[in-house]
């Protein structure tokens, strides 16, 4: 995923979390908010409560991979914050992908 497509600033994260629409399932919480850019941006958050840095980075890479593979299916000029939940830990990559795709279509 290019840096252009990543929500990087803390103030952008806060704005999306405070003003955005929220959808949840057992694996993810996704906040979304309209942006004025011609592309989508994504921010990924994995809590320290779920595991150490190696574990968190592993799951961030999985989520980035899912986003890159299915980005064409949901282009709608929004910013997304994706928060991983404890229910995602015991799931396979395919299950994570399916949960993500089902939830992103709701948003």
N, C-alpha and C. Protein backbone atom coordinates (compact mmCIF):
# COMPACT_ATOMS: atom_id res chain seq x y z
N UNK A 1 0.84 -1.17 0.00
CA UNK A 1 0.00 0.00 0.00
C UNK A 1 0.89 1.24 0.00
N UNK A 2 0.63 2.16 -0.91
CA UNK A 2 1.42 3.39 -1.00
C UNK A 2 1.11 4.30 0.18
N UNK A 3 2.09 5.13 0.55
CA UNK A 3 1.89 6.06 1.65
C UNK A 3 0.78 7.06 1.36
N UNK A 4 0.51 7.28 0.10
CA UNK A 4 -0.56 8.18 -0.30
C UNK A 4 -1.91 7.70 0.22
N UNK A 5 -2.08 6.40 0.34
CA UNK A 5 -3.35 5.81 0.72
C UNK A 5 -3.46 5.49 2.21
N UNK A 6 -2.58 6.07 3.04
CA UNK A 6 -2.56 5.79 4.46
C UNK A 6 -2.92 7.06 5.24
N UNK A 7 -3.79 6.91 6.23
CA UNK A 7 -4.09 8.01 7.15
C UNK A 7 -2.94 8.05 8.13
N UNK A 8 -2.18 9.15 8.13
CA UNK A 8 -0.98 9.20 8.94
C UNK A 8 -1.06 10.17 10.11
N UNK A 9 -1.78 11.26 9.95
CA UNK A 9 -1.79 12.28 10.99
C UNK A 9 -2.74 11.91 12.12
N UNK A 10 -2.30 12.18 13.34
CA UNK A 10 -3.10 11.88 14.52
C UNK A 10 -4.42 12.65 14.49
N UNK A 11 -4.40 13.89 14.03
CA UNK A 11 -5.63 14.69 13.99
C UNK A 11 -6.63 14.10 13.00
N UNK A 12 -6.15 13.50 11.91
CA UNK A 12 -7.05 12.83 10.96
C UNK A 12 -7.68 11.59 11.61
N UNK A 13 -6.87 10.82 12.35
CA UNK A 13 -7.40 9.66 13.07
C UNK A 13 -8.50 10.09 14.03
N UNK A 14 -8.23 11.13 14.81
CA UNK A 14 -9.20 11.60 15.79
C UNK A 14 -10.49 12.06 15.12
N UNK A 15 -10.36 12.78 14.03
CA UNK A 15 -11.54 13.28 13.32
C UNK A 15 -12.40 12.13 12.81
N UNK A 16 -11.77 11.12 12.22
CA UNK A 16 -12.50 9.97 11.70
C UNK A 16 -13.18 9.20 12.83
N UNK A 17 -12.47 9.01 13.94
CA UNK A 17 -13.04 8.28 15.07
C UNK A 17 -14.19 9.03 15.72
N UNK A 18 -14.10 10.35 15.80
CA UNK A 18 -15.13 11.14 16.46
C UNK A 18 -16.35 11.41 15.57
N UNK A 19 -16.12 11.64 14.29
CA UNK A 19 -17.21 12.06 13.40
C UNK A 19 -17.68 10.98 12.44
N UNK A 20 -16.93 9.91 12.32
CA UNK A 20 -17.23 8.90 11.31
C UNK A 20 -18.30 7.91 11.71
N UNK A 21 -18.78 7.19 10.71
CA UNK A 21 -19.77 6.13 10.89
C UNK A 21 -19.04 4.86 11.29
N UNK A 22 -19.64 4.07 12.18
CA UNK A 22 -18.98 2.89 12.72
C UNK A 22 -19.76 1.63 12.36
N UNK A 23 -19.05 0.58 11.95
CA UNK A 23 -19.62 -0.75 11.73
C UNK A 23 -18.71 -1.75 12.44
N UNK A 24 -19.31 -2.80 13.01
CA UNK A 24 -18.55 -3.78 13.79
C UNK A 24 -18.93 -5.20 13.42
N UNK A 25 -17.98 -6.10 13.59
CA UNK A 25 -18.25 -7.53 13.63
C UNK A 25 -17.26 -8.14 14.62
N UNK A 26 -17.14 -9.46 14.66
CA UNK A 26 -16.28 -10.08 15.68
C UNK A 26 -14.79 -9.86 15.42
N UNK A 27 -14.41 -9.53 14.19
CA UNK A 27 -13.00 -9.37 13.85
C UNK A 27 -12.55 -7.93 13.79
N UNK A 28 -13.41 -7.03 13.35
CA UNK A 28 -13.01 -5.65 13.09
C UNK A 28 -14.03 -4.64 13.61
N UNK A 29 -13.53 -3.43 13.80
CA UNK A 29 -14.37 -2.24 13.92
C UNK A 29 -13.87 -1.31 12.83
N UNK A 30 -14.77 -0.84 11.98
CA UNK A 30 -14.36 0.05 10.89
C UNK A 30 -15.12 1.37 11.01
N UNK A 31 -14.36 2.46 11.10
CA UNK A 31 -14.91 3.80 11.08
C UNK A 31 -14.68 4.37 9.69
N UNK A 32 -15.67 5.09 9.16
CA UNK A 32 -15.50 5.68 7.83
C UNK A 32 -16.02 7.11 7.85
N UNK A 33 -15.39 7.94 7.03
CA UNK A 33 -15.75 9.35 6.91
C UNK A 33 -15.40 9.81 5.51
N UNK A 34 -16.29 10.58 4.90
CA UNK A 34 -16.05 11.12 3.56
C UNK A 34 -14.80 12.00 3.57
N UNK A 35 -14.02 11.95 2.48
CA UNK A 35 -12.89 12.86 2.32
C UNK A 35 -13.05 13.62 1.01
N UNK A 36 -12.22 14.61 0.81
CA UNK A 36 -12.30 15.43 -0.41
C UNK A 36 -11.22 15.04 -1.41
N UNK A 37 -10.70 13.85 -1.25
CA UNK A 37 -9.63 13.37 -2.13
C UNK A 37 -10.22 12.40 -3.16
N UNK A 38 -9.56 12.21 -4.28
CA UNK A 38 -10.09 11.31 -5.32
C UNK A 38 -9.78 9.82 -5.07
N UNK A 39 -9.38 9.48 -3.85
CA UNK A 39 -9.02 8.09 -3.52
C UNK A 39 -9.36 7.82 -2.06
N UNK A 40 -9.37 6.55 -1.70
CA UNK A 40 -9.61 6.12 -0.32
C UNK A 40 -8.31 6.14 0.45
N UNK A 41 -8.41 6.36 1.77
CA UNK A 41 -7.26 6.26 2.65
C UNK A 41 -7.63 5.33 3.80
N UNK A 42 -6.63 4.60 4.30
CA UNK A 42 -6.85 3.61 5.34
C UNK A 42 -5.89 3.83 6.49
N UNK A 43 -6.38 3.65 7.69
CA UNK A 43 -5.55 3.62 8.89
C UNK A 43 -5.82 2.31 9.60
N UNK A 44 -4.78 1.68 10.11
CA UNK A 44 -4.93 0.37 10.74
C UNK A 44 -4.43 0.47 12.18
N UNK A 45 -5.21 -0.07 13.10
CA UNK A 45 -4.84 -0.04 14.51
C UNK A 45 -5.00 -1.44 15.10
N UNK A 46 -3.95 -1.89 15.79
CA UNK A 46 -3.99 -3.15 16.52
C UNK A 46 -3.53 -2.85 17.94
N UNK A 47 -4.36 -3.16 18.91
CA UNK A 47 -4.09 -2.82 20.29
C UNK A 47 -2.92 -3.61 20.87
N UNK A 48 -2.23 -3.00 21.83
CA UNK A 48 -1.16 -3.69 22.53
C UNK A 48 -1.68 -4.83 23.38
N UNK A 49 -2.96 -4.78 23.72
CA UNK A 49 -3.56 -5.85 24.52
C UNK A 49 -3.60 -7.18 23.77
N UNK A 50 -3.58 -7.13 22.44
CA UNK A 50 -3.68 -8.35 21.65
C UNK A 50 -2.37 -9.11 21.55
N UNK A 51 -1.23 -8.42 21.63
CA UNK A 51 0.03 -9.13 21.52
C UNK A 51 1.21 -8.19 21.44
N UNK A 52 2.38 -8.77 21.25
CA UNK A 52 3.60 -7.97 21.18
C UNK A 52 3.75 -7.33 19.80
N UNK A 53 4.83 -6.61 19.59
CA UNK A 53 5.03 -5.85 18.35
C UNK A 53 5.08 -6.76 17.13
N UNK A 54 5.68 -7.92 17.25
CA UNK A 54 5.76 -8.85 16.13
C UNK A 54 4.36 -9.29 15.72
N UNK A 55 3.54 -9.64 16.69
CA UNK A 55 2.17 -10.05 16.43
C UNK A 55 1.38 -8.93 15.78
N UNK A 56 1.48 -7.71 16.32
CA UNK A 56 0.71 -6.58 15.78
C UNK A 56 1.12 -6.26 14.35
N UNK A 57 2.41 -6.28 14.07
CA UNK A 57 2.87 -6.00 12.71
C UNK A 57 2.45 -7.09 11.73
N UNK A 58 2.42 -8.33 12.18
CA UNK A 58 1.98 -9.44 11.34
C UNK A 58 0.53 -9.23 10.91
N UNK A 59 -0.33 -8.85 11.84
CA UNK A 59 -1.73 -8.64 11.50
C UNK A 59 -1.92 -7.37 10.67
N UNK A 60 -1.13 -6.36 10.90
CA UNK A 60 -1.20 -5.16 10.05
C UNK A 60 -0.84 -5.50 8.61
N UNK A 61 0.18 -6.34 8.42
CA UNK A 61 0.54 -6.77 7.07
C UNK A 61 -0.59 -7.56 6.42
N UNK A 62 -1.24 -8.42 7.19
CA UNK A 62 -2.37 -9.17 6.65
C UNK A 62 -3.49 -8.24 6.20
N UNK A 63 -3.81 -7.26 7.02
CA UNK A 63 -4.89 -6.33 6.68
C UNK A 63 -4.52 -5.50 5.46
N UNK A 64 -3.27 -5.04 5.39
CA UNK A 64 -2.82 -4.29 4.21
C UNK A 64 -2.92 -5.13 2.94
N UNK A 65 -2.58 -6.40 3.05
CA UNK A 65 -2.68 -7.30 1.92
C UNK A 65 -4.13 -7.45 1.46
N UNK A 66 -5.04 -7.59 2.40
CA UNK A 66 -6.46 -7.70 2.06
C UNK A 66 -6.93 -6.42 1.37
N UNK A 67 -6.53 -5.28 1.89
CA UNK A 67 -6.93 -4.00 1.30
C UNK A 67 -6.39 -3.88 -0.12
N UNK A 68 -5.12 -4.21 -0.32
CA UNK A 68 -4.52 -4.09 -1.65
C UNK A 68 -5.19 -5.00 -2.67
N UNK A 69 -5.55 -6.21 -2.25
CA UNK A 69 -6.15 -7.17 -3.17
C UNK A 69 -7.57 -6.81 -3.57
N UNK A 70 -8.29 -6.10 -2.72
CA UNK A 70 -9.71 -5.83 -2.97
C UNK A 70 -10.04 -4.34 -3.04
N UNK A 71 -9.03 -3.52 -3.24
CA UNK A 71 -9.24 -2.08 -3.27
C UNK A 71 -10.17 -1.64 -4.39
N UNK A 72 -10.15 -2.32 -5.51
CA UNK A 72 -10.98 -1.95 -6.66
C UNK A 72 -12.47 -2.12 -6.38
N UNK A 73 -12.82 -2.96 -5.44
CA UNK A 73 -14.23 -3.28 -5.19
C UNK A 73 -14.97 -2.23 -4.38
N UNK A 74 -14.26 -1.33 -3.70
CA UNK A 74 -14.95 -0.39 -2.82
C UNK A 74 -14.36 1.01 -2.87
N UNK A 75 -14.07 1.53 -4.04
CA UNK A 75 -13.57 2.90 -4.18
C UNK A 75 -14.75 3.84 -4.05
N UNK A 76 -14.75 4.65 -2.99
CA UNK A 76 -15.84 5.59 -2.79
C UNK A 76 -15.41 6.88 -2.08
N UNK A 77 -14.14 7.22 -2.15
CA UNK A 77 -13.60 8.48 -1.64
C UNK A 77 -13.88 8.68 -0.16
N UNK A 78 -13.47 7.71 0.65
CA UNK A 78 -13.64 7.78 2.09
C UNK A 78 -12.33 7.51 2.79
N UNK A 79 -12.27 7.94 4.05
CA UNK A 79 -11.19 7.56 4.94
C UNK A 79 -11.70 6.46 5.85
N UNK A 80 -10.89 5.45 6.08
CA UNK A 80 -11.28 4.32 6.92
C UNK A 80 -10.25 4.14 8.03
N UNK A 81 -10.75 3.86 9.24
CA UNK A 81 -9.90 3.41 10.33
C UNK A 81 -10.34 1.98 10.64
N UNK A 82 -9.42 1.04 10.56
CA UNK A 82 -9.71 -0.36 10.79
C UNK A 82 -9.04 -0.77 12.09
N UNK A 83 -9.86 -1.22 13.04
CA UNK A 83 -9.35 -1.64 14.34
C UNK A 83 -9.58 -3.14 14.47
N UNK A 84 -8.52 -3.85 14.75
CA UNK A 84 -8.59 -5.30 14.89
C UNK A 84 -9.12 -5.65 16.28
N UNK A 85 -10.02 -6.62 16.35
CA UNK A 85 -10.58 -7.05 17.63
C UNK A 85 -10.03 -8.41 18.01
N UNK A 86 -10.25 -8.78 19.25
CA UNK A 86 -9.73 -10.03 19.78
C UNK A 86 -10.26 -11.26 19.04
N UNK A 87 -11.45 -11.17 18.49
CA UNK A 87 -12.04 -12.29 17.77
C UNK A 87 -11.30 -12.67 16.50
N UNK A 88 -10.43 -11.81 16.00
CA UNK A 88 -9.70 -12.08 14.76
C UNK A 88 -8.46 -12.94 14.98
N UNK A 89 -8.06 -13.12 16.20
CA UNK A 89 -6.79 -13.81 16.47
C UNK A 89 -6.81 -15.26 16.02
N UNK A 90 -7.91 -15.97 16.27
CA UNK A 90 -7.94 -17.40 15.94
C UNK A 90 -8.46 -17.68 14.53
N UNK A 91 -8.67 -16.66 13.72
CA UNK A 91 -9.21 -16.86 12.38
C UNK A 91 -8.10 -16.99 11.34
N UNK A 92 -8.42 -17.67 10.26
CA UNK A 92 -7.47 -17.82 9.16
C UNK A 92 -7.52 -16.57 8.28
N UNK A 93 -6.59 -16.50 7.35
CA UNK A 93 -6.52 -15.36 6.44
C UNK A 93 -7.81 -15.24 5.62
N UNK A 94 -8.33 -16.34 5.14
CA UNK A 94 -9.55 -16.32 4.33
C UNK A 94 -10.74 -15.83 5.14
N UNK A 95 -10.84 -16.24 6.39
CA UNK A 95 -11.92 -15.78 7.26
C UNK A 95 -11.78 -14.28 7.54
N UNK A 96 -10.57 -13.82 7.77
CA UNK A 96 -10.34 -12.39 7.98
C UNK A 96 -10.73 -11.60 6.74
N UNK A 97 -10.37 -12.13 5.57
CA UNK A 97 -10.72 -11.47 4.31
C UNK A 97 -12.23 -11.39 4.13
N UNK A 98 -12.92 -12.48 4.38
CA UNK A 98 -14.37 -12.50 4.23
C UNK A 98 -15.05 -11.54 5.21
N UNK A 99 -14.59 -11.54 6.47
CA UNK A 99 -15.15 -10.62 7.46
C UNK A 99 -14.93 -9.17 7.05
N UNK A 100 -13.73 -8.88 6.55
CA UNK A 100 -13.42 -7.52 6.13
C UNK A 100 -14.30 -7.10 4.95
N UNK A 101 -14.42 -7.97 3.98
CA UNK A 101 -15.20 -7.63 2.79
C UNK A 101 -16.68 -7.44 3.12
N UNK A 102 -17.22 -8.28 3.99
CA UNK A 102 -18.62 -8.12 4.41
C UNK A 102 -18.84 -6.81 5.15
N UNK A 103 -17.89 -6.45 5.99
CA UNK A 103 -18.05 -5.23 6.79
C UNK A 103 -17.83 -3.97 5.96
N UNK A 104 -16.88 -4.01 5.03
CA UNK A 104 -16.59 -2.82 4.22
C UNK A 104 -17.75 -2.52 3.27
N UNK A 105 -18.48 -3.53 2.86
CA UNK A 105 -19.64 -3.28 1.99
C UNK A 105 -20.78 -2.64 2.77
N UNK A 106 -20.87 -2.89 4.07
CA UNK A 106 -21.89 -2.24 4.89
C UNK A 106 -21.62 -0.76 5.07
N UNK A 107 -20.34 -0.42 5.18
CA UNK A 107 -19.97 0.98 5.38
C UNK A 107 -20.15 1.70 4.07
